[in-house]
Amino acid sequence: MPETPDAIDRFTGHLPEAARLRALRPRLRAHQQRAHDVLFTGPGALPEARTAAHAVAAEHRHAAARDHYADLLGVPPAGGTAARRRADAAVAHARRLTAAPWTASGTDIADLRAAGFSDAEIVTLSQSIGFVNQQLQLAAALRLLATGRPAEGPSATVAGGARFTTDVLTWQPAVRPLAAEELSEEHRRALAGKRADSPYFRTLGHDLGILAERTAIDLAAFTAEGGLPRAERELAATAVSLHNGCVYCVSVHARLAGRLGGDPEAVARLLAHGSRAVIGRRGALVVRLAAGLAPVPLTANGADVAALRDAGLSDLELVDLVHCAAFFAWANRLMLSLGTHRGPTAGEAA
């Protein structure tokens, strides 16, 4: 696959300070671009993935990303054709998942099937939409860390509620997952560190190329040595999942945040009461920034970053925080668009 210019560098405006911050986690920088290339420029890339990516960029009001994906898209198919119907369905799916991921339902899958998408193509399309949402959230977050702008604004909040729990839930796929015997050694390598037997990862297994890159980004964001404590990475994931309404993701990552941080009661208060919960100053600041990175467009501001710096967070810790928060712009949209939660029984990580 030919090497392409770094998309996130373009989306951050080629800011030297953003590049310096990205260089603190070089594996993430490399895998972000590889994921982009697999989805949009590689051999056999789904044409509607580019169409959906352009729609996501428009929802984010990100001019550079709109131009980038328009360049990749080229001339759209003529109206009235089967290709046009597929493109229209992809755009509708992208807009819905970007603006209101909590509204995703089985009807969306039925609409895509009616437009001619196979289960494997539906997985690729949802991967593409989720990826670009996290790509643009990450680019905006890096610009915020680099510039401190906008300097001020209302503090972001998330709402809790009785539907959120740390109970162990299950996830029911809306598209056919690969059967266990269909998983190749390449699938198992792509899922190293994950539960290859779970319905969720067997569903994602329809697109092996992006599955491998997504797993690499996940592990590099959440398990890299040094930087932000793992409990606070999970707390950031929980805050974004609360905003996006992913009950399943909240259950997994709130449970981890409570166990790893040694204060499950504080996390339970966050789930019940949202941003009004008393969870300690540093935890509240992590939640505030992560919550501000979740909306489209984001609402986080320089005051949120300055407060975390005052609380002692280093550049590396802030870079970890924004990578973990952005990743859940992707993970939540996959979970919500490709299935529904059930429970409580045995669960799996997003």
Protein backbone atom coordinates (compact mmCIF):
# COMPACT_ATOMS: atom_id res chain seq x y z
CA MET A 1 0.00 0.00 0.00
CA PRO A 2 1.55 3.40 -0.96
CA GLU A 3 2.36 5.73 1.92
CA THR A 4 -0.03 8.68 2.18
CA PRO A 5 0.41 12.03 3.97
CA ASP A 6 -0.53 11.93 7.65
CA ALA A 7 -4.22 12.82 7.92
CA ILE A 8 -4.20 13.93 11.57
CA ASP A 9 -1.26 16.26 10.89
CA ARG A 10 -3.43 17.85 8.20
CA PHE A 11 -6.45 18.04 10.51
CA THR A 12 -4.44 19.75 13.27
CA GLY A 13 -3.21 22.36 10.79
CA HIS A 14 0.36 20.99 10.87
CA LEU A 15 0.94 22.67 14.23
CA PRO A 16 4.50 21.94 15.44
CA GLU A 17 3.32 21.64 19.05
CA ALA A 18 0.63 19.12 18.07
CA ALA A 19 3.29 17.12 16.22
CA ARG A 20 5.54 17.22 19.30
CA LEU A 21 2.73 15.91 21.48
CA ARG A 22 1.89 13.13 19.01
CA ALA A 23 5.54 12.07 18.99
CA LEU A 24 5.21 11.15 22.69
CA ARG A 25 3.24 8.07 21.59
CA PRO A 26 4.78 7.10 18.22
CA ARG A 27 2.98 3.74 18.00
CA LEU A 28 -0.36 5.50 18.13
CA ARG A 29 0.71 7.96 15.46
CA ALA A 30 1.73 5.12 13.14
CA HIS A 31 -1.36 2.97 13.71
CA GLN A 32 -3.75 5.91 13.27
CA GLN A 33 -2.45 6.49 9.76
CA ARG A 34 -2.40 2.79 8.93
CA ALA A 35 -6.05 2.49 9.98
CA HIS A 36 -6.93 5.44 7.76
CA ASP A 37 -5.14 3.87 4.81
CA VAL A 38 -6.72 0.44 5.32
CA LEU A 39 -10.21 1.95 5.35
CA PHE A 40 -9.92 4.59 2.65
CA THR A 41 -6.95 4.12 0.31
CA GLY A 42 -6.08 0.43 0.42
CA PRO A 43 -6.94 -2.17 -2.20
CA GLY A 44 -10.59 -3.10 -2.02
CA ALA A 45 -11.55 -0.09 0.14
CA LEU A 46 -15.34 0.23 0.33
CA PRO A 47 -16.38 3.25 -1.82
CA GLU A 48 -19.20 4.13 0.57
CA ALA A 49 -16.68 4.33 3.42
CA ARG A 50 -15.27 7.47 1.80
CA THR A 51 -18.78 8.84 1.30
CA ALA A 52 -19.55 8.24 4.98
CA ALA A 53 -16.24 9.77 6.07
CA HIS A 54 -17.06 12.97 4.18
CA ALA A 55 -20.47 13.10 5.90
CA VAL A 56 -18.83 12.66 9.32
CA ALA A 57 -16.42 15.52 8.58
CA ALA A 58 -19.37 17.72 7.64
CA GLU A 59 -21.12 16.93 10.94
CA HIS A 60 -17.93 17.93 12.78
CA ARG A 61 -17.78 21.17 10.73
CA HIS A 62 -14.15 20.39 10.00
CA ALA A 63 -13.18 22.07 6.71
CA ALA A 64 -9.80 20.36 6.29
CA ALA A 65 -11.34 16.93 6.87
CA ARG A 66 -14.19 17.68 4.46
CA ASP A 67 -11.65 18.63 1.80
CA HIS A 68 -9.51 15.57 2.54
CA TYR A 69 -12.35 13.09 2.22
CA ALA A 70 -13.83 14.92 -0.77
CA ASP A 71 -10.48 14.46 -2.52
CA LEU A 72 -10.59 10.73 -1.74
CA LEU A 73 -14.25 10.46 -2.74
CA GLY A 74 -13.96 11.88 -6.24
CA VAL A 75 -17.15 12.15 -8.29
CA PRO A 76 -20.23 10.68 -6.53
CA PRO A 77 -22.40 8.16 -8.39
CA ALA A 78 -25.23 9.46 -10.56
CA GLY A 79 -28.69 9.81 -9.02
CA GLY A 80 -31.19 6.98 -9.33
CA THR A 81 -28.62 4.20 -9.53
CA ALA A 82 -28.05 1.35 -7.11
CA ALA A 83 -24.73 2.99 -6.25
CA ARG A 84 -26.55 6.22 -5.40
CA ARG A 85 -28.96 4.35 -3.11
CA ARG A 86 -26.01 2.79 -1.30
CA ALA A 87 -24.29 6.16 -0.99
CA ASP A 88 -27.44 7.80 0.40
CA ALA A 89 -27.86 5.01 2.95
CA ALA A 90 -24.22 5.35 4.01
CA VAL A 91 -24.60 9.11 4.49
CA ALA A 92 -27.77 8.68 6.56
CA HIS A 93 -26.03 6.09 8.74
CA ALA A 94 -22.98 8.34 9.17
CA ARG A 95 -25.03 11.37 10.14
CA ARG A 96 -27.10 9.46 12.66
CA LEU A 97 -24.14 7.73 14.29
CA THR A 98 -22.14 10.94 14.45
CA ALA A 99 -24.80 13.30 15.77
CA ALA A 100 -26.76 10.94 18.02
CA PRO A 101 -25.08 7.51 18.44
CA TRP A 102 -27.48 6.61 21.26
CA THR A 103 -30.34 6.47 18.71
CA ALA A 104 -28.78 3.60 16.73
CA SER A 105 -31.11 0.62 16.33
CA GLY A 106 -31.79 -2.50 14.33
CA THR A 107 -33.78 -0.36 11.88
CA ASP A 108 -30.50 1.20 10.74
CA ILE A 109 -29.12 -2.24 9.88
CA ALA A 110 -32.32 -3.09 8.01
CA ASP A 111 -32.04 0.14 6.00
CA LEU A 112 -28.46 -0.68 5.01
CA ARG A 113 -29.42 -4.20 3.99
CA ALA A 114 -32.29 -2.82 1.91
CA ALA A 115 -29.77 -0.59 0.12
CA GLY A 116 -27.71 -3.66 -0.77
CA PHE A 117 -25.04 -3.82 1.94
CA SER A 118 -23.84 -7.24 3.10
CA ASP A 119 -23.10 -7.93 6.76
CA ALA A 120 -19.37 -7.62 6.09
CA GLU A 121 -19.89 -4.26 4.37
CA ILE A 122 -22.05 -3.03 7.26
CA VAL A 123 -19.21 -3.81 9.66
CA THR A 124 -16.71 -1.96 7.45
CA LEU A 125 -19.05 1.02 7.13
CA SER A 126 -19.56 1.26 10.90
CA GLN A 127 -15.81 0.89 11.44
CA SER A 128 -15.24 3.76 9.01
CA ILE A 129 -17.78 6.04 10.68
CA GLY A 130 -16.45 5.26 14.15
CA PHE A 131 -12.84 5.70 13.07
CA VAL A 132 -13.36 9.14 11.52
CA ASN A 133 -15.29 10.33 14.58
CA GLN A 134 -12.35 9.37 16.81
CA GLN A 135 -9.86 10.78 14.27
CA LEU A 136 -11.53 14.19 14.31
CA GLN A 137 -12.06 14.19 18.08
CA LEU A 138 -8.38 13.36 18.50
CA ALA A 139 -7.25 16.05 16.06
CA ALA A 140 -9.39 18.66 17.80
CA ALA A 141 -8.12 17.54 21.21
CA LEU A 142 -4.50 17.79 20.07
CA ARG A 143 -5.13 21.31 18.76
CA LEU A 144 -6.63 22.18 22.12
CA LEU A 145 -3.60 20.83 24.01
CA ALA A 146 -1.27 22.65 21.60
CA THR A 147 -2.98 26.05 21.58
CA GLY A 148 -5.20 26.25 24.66
CA ARG A 149 -7.95 27.60 22.42
CA PRO A 150 -10.78 28.17 22.87
CA ALA A 151 -9.56 29.52 26.19
CA GLU A 152 -12.86 29.45 28.04
CA GLY A 153 -16.37 28.07 27.84
CA PRO A 154 -19.00 26.27 29.91
CA SER A 155 -17.70 23.16 31.66
CA ALA A 156 -18.86 19.98 29.98
CA THR A 157 -21.11 17.65 31.94
CA VAL A 158 -22.45 14.14 31.57
CA ALA A 159 -25.68 12.76 32.96
CA GLY A 160 -25.88 9.55 34.94
CA GLY A 161 -28.96 7.49 35.58
CA ALA A 162 -30.40 4.17 36.68
CA ARG A 163 -29.77 2.50 33.30
CA PHE A 164 -25.99 2.71 33.81
CA THR A 165 -24.46 -0.09 35.84
CA THR A 166 -21.25 -1.89 36.65
CA ASP A 167 -23.06 -5.22 36.37
CA VAL A 168 -21.60 -7.62 33.80
CA LEU A 169 -23.71 -7.40 30.64
CA THR A 170 -23.77 -9.27 27.34
CA TRP A 171 -23.83 -7.87 23.82
CA GLN A 172 -26.15 -9.27 21.15
CA PRO A 173 -24.98 -8.70 17.56
CA ALA A 174 -27.39 -7.37 14.92
CA VAL A 175 -25.29 -8.83 12.11
CA ARG A 176 -24.01 -12.37 11.86
CA PRO A 177 -20.70 -12.81 13.67
CA LEU A 178 -18.13 -15.11 12.19
CA ALA A 179 -18.43 -18.63 13.54
CA ALA A 180 -15.53 -19.74 15.72
CA GLU A 181 -14.36 -22.13 13.00
CA GLU A 182 -14.22 -19.23 10.50
CA LEU A 183 -11.57 -17.44 12.54
CA SER A 184 -8.14 -17.78 10.94
CA GLU A 185 -4.76 -17.50 12.59
CA GLU A 186 -4.66 -13.96 11.19
CA HIS A 187 -7.86 -13.15 13.09
CA ARG A 188 -6.38 -14.52 16.29
CA ARG A 189 -3.19 -12.52 15.80
CA ALA A 190 -5.28 -9.40 15.12
CA LEU A 191 -7.11 -9.99 18.40
CA ALA A 192 -4.06 -10.68 20.56
CA GLY A 193 -4.95 -9.46 24.04
CA LYS A 194 -8.69 -9.64 23.32
CA ARG A 195 -11.33 -12.36 23.63
CA ALA A 196 -11.35 -13.85 20.15
CA ASP A 197 -14.32 -16.08 21.05
CA SER A 198 -16.67 -13.19 21.92
CA PRO A 199 -19.60 -12.33 19.61
CA TYR A 200 -18.44 -8.71 19.43
CA PHE A 201 -14.95 -9.45 18.16
CA ARG A 202 -16.22 -12.21 15.87
CA THR A 203 -18.58 -9.61 14.38
CA LEU A 204 -15.69 -7.19 13.83
CA GLY A 205 -13.82 -10.11 12.26
CA HIS A 206 -15.70 -9.52 8.98
CA ASP A 207 -13.03 -6.88 8.19
CA LEU A 208 -9.67 -8.26 9.24
CA GLY A 209 -7.58 -5.32 8.05
CA ILE A 210 -9.19 -2.64 10.19
CA LEU A 211 -9.69 -5.09 13.07
CA ALA A 212 -5.92 -5.50 13.36
CA GLU A 213 -5.27 -1.77 13.36
CA ARG A 214 -8.13 -1.05 15.76
CA THR A 215 -6.80 -3.62 18.23
CA ALA A 216 -3.33 -2.09 17.97
CA ILE A 217 -4.69 1.42 18.66
CA ASP A 218 -6.77 0.15 21.58
CA LEU A 219 -3.85 -1.59 23.26
CA ALA A 220 -1.43 1.27 22.59
CA ALA A 221 -3.86 3.81 24.07
CA PHE A 222 -4.87 1.86 27.16
CA THR A 223 -1.86 -0.28 28.08
CA ALA A 224 1.22 1.77 27.09
CA GLU A 225 3.70 2.06 29.94
CA GLY A 226 4.08 5.32 31.82
CA GLY A 227 1.81 8.29 31.41
CA LEU A 228 -1.75 8.41 32.70
CA PRO A 229 -2.65 5.76 35.29
CA ARG A 230 -4.77 3.01 33.77
CA ALA A 231 -7.67 3.76 36.13
CA GLU A 232 -7.91 7.31 34.78
CA ARG A 233 -7.75 6.07 31.18
CA GLU A 234 -10.76 3.89 32.01
CA LEU A 235 -12.45 6.84 33.71
CA ALA A 236 -12.08 8.87 30.50
CA ALA A 237 -13.60 5.99 28.53
CA THR A 238 -16.48 5.88 31.00
CA ALA A 239 -17.18 9.60 30.69
CA VAL A 240 -17.32 9.47 26.88
CA SER A 241 -19.52 6.36 27.01
CA LEU A 242 -21.93 8.14 29.38
CA HIS A 243 -22.23 11.01 26.90
CA ASN A 244 -22.78 8.66 23.96
CA GLY A 245 -25.28 6.51 25.86
CA CYS A 246 -23.40 3.23 25.47
CA VAL A 247 -24.68 1.28 28.46
CA TYR A 248 -22.53 -1.74 27.63
CA CYS A 249 -19.30 0.25 27.33
CA VAL A 250 -20.06 2.08 30.58
CA SER A 251 -20.53 -1.21 32.40
CA VAL A 252 -17.15 -2.58 31.30
CA HIS A 253 -15.01 0.50 31.72
CA ALA A 254 -16.62 1.87 34.87
CA ARG A 255 -16.02 -1.51 36.46
CA LEU A 256 -12.35 -1.36 35.45
CA ALA A 257 -11.99 2.26 36.61
CA GLY A 258 -13.41 1.39 40.02
CA ARG A 259 -11.30 -1.74 40.46
CA LEU A 260 -8.03 -0.26 39.24
CA GLY A 261 -8.52 3.05 41.05
CA GLY A 262 -9.51 1.37 44.30
CA ASP A 263 -12.70 3.41 44.69
CA PRO A 264 -15.66 1.64 43.07
CA GLU A 265 -18.06 3.68 45.22
CA ALA A 266 -16.91 6.92 43.58
CA VAL A 267 -17.42 5.40 40.12
CA ALA A 268 -20.88 4.19 41.15
CA ARG A 269 -21.71 7.77 42.15
CA LEU A 270 -20.56 8.98 38.73
CA LEU A 271 -22.86 6.49 37.01
CA ALA A 272 -25.79 7.45 39.20
CA HIS A 273 -25.38 11.22 39.23
CA GLY A 274 -23.11 12.11 36.33
CA SER A 275 -20.99 15.22 36.68
CA ARG A 276 -22.76 16.18 39.92
CA ALA A 277 -21.13 13.20 41.66
CA VAL A 278 -18.37 13.76 44.22
CA ILE A 279 -15.44 11.66 42.95
CA GLY A 280 -12.35 13.66 43.95
CA ARG A 281 -10.81 16.70 42.24
CA ARG A 282 -8.42 14.97 39.82
CA GLY A 283 -11.02 12.39 38.76
CA ALA A 284 -13.61 15.12 38.27
CA LEU A 285 -11.18 17.05 36.03
CA VAL A 286 -10.45 13.93 33.95
CA VAL A 287 -14.20 13.40 33.51
CA ARG A 288 -14.72 17.07 32.62
CA LEU A 289 -12.14 17.08 29.82
CA ALA A 290 -13.21 13.68 28.46
CA ALA A 291 -16.86 14.76 28.54
CA GLY A 292 -15.93 17.90 26.64
CA LEU A 293 -14.21 15.85 23.95
CA ALA A 294 -17.29 13.67 23.35
CA PRO A 295 -19.80 16.08 21.71
CA VAL A 296 -19.75 16.83 17.98
CA PRO A 297 -18.21 19.38 17.69
CA LEU A 298 -16.36 19.16 21.01
CA THR A 299 -16.98 21.66 23.82
CA ALA A 300 -13.75 21.24 25.83
CA ASN A 301 -11.68 24.38 26.30
CA GLY A 302 -8.30 25.61 27.43
CA ALA A 303 -9.49 26.12 31.00
CA ASP A 304 -10.19 22.37 31.24
CA VAL A 305 -6.63 21.63 30.11
CA ALA A 306 -5.11 24.27 32.39
CA ALA A 307 -6.94 22.82 35.40
CA LEU A 308 -5.48 19.38 34.68
CA ARG A 309 -2.00 20.84 34.32
CA ASP A 310 -2.46 22.61 37.64
CA ALA A 311 -3.47 19.24 39.12
CA GLY A 312 -0.09 17.86 38.04
CA LEU A 313 -0.79 16.12 34.73
CA SER A 314 2.19 16.01 32.39
CA ASP A 315 2.09 16.35 28.61
CA LEU A 316 2.31 12.56 28.28
CA GLU A 317 -0.61 12.06 30.67
CA LEU A 318 -2.72 14.57 28.75
CA VAL A 319 -1.85 12.88 25.46
CA ASP A 320 -2.93 9.54 26.94
CA LEU A 321 -6.17 11.06 28.21
CA VAL A 322 -7.20 12.48 24.83
CA HIS A 323 -6.27 9.28 22.97
CA CYS A 324 -8.40 7.17 25.33
CA ALA A 325 -11.33 9.58 25.18
CA ALA A 326 -11.18 9.77 21.38
CA PHE A 327 -10.95 6.01 21.03
CA PHE A 328 -14.37 5.71 22.63
CA ALA A 329 -15.89 7.93 19.96
CA TRP A 330 -15.09 4.86 17.83
CA ALA A 331 -15.81 2.02 20.26
CA ASN A 332 -19.19 3.39 21.36
CA ARG A 333 -20.38 3.79 17.78
CA LEU A 334 -19.42 0.21 16.94
CA MET A 335 -21.16 -1.22 19.98
CA LEU A 336 -24.29 0.86 19.44
CA SER A 337 -24.61 0.37 15.68
CA LEU A 338 -23.79 -3.33 15.39
CA GLY A 339 -25.78 -4.75 18.30
CA THR A 340 -27.54 -4.22 21.62
CA HIS A 341 -26.72 -4.94 25.24
CA ARG A 342 -28.36 -7.58 27.39
CA GLY A 343 -27.63 -8.59 30.92
CA PRO A 344 -26.47 -9.17 33.43
CA THR A 345 -24.22 -12.15 32.56
CA ALA A 346 -20.72 -12.55 31.09
CA GLY A 347 -19.28 -9.46 29.37
CA GLU A 348 -16.46 -8.40 27.11
CA ALA A 349 -14.40 -5.25 26.64
CA ALA A 350 -15.20 -2.78 23.87
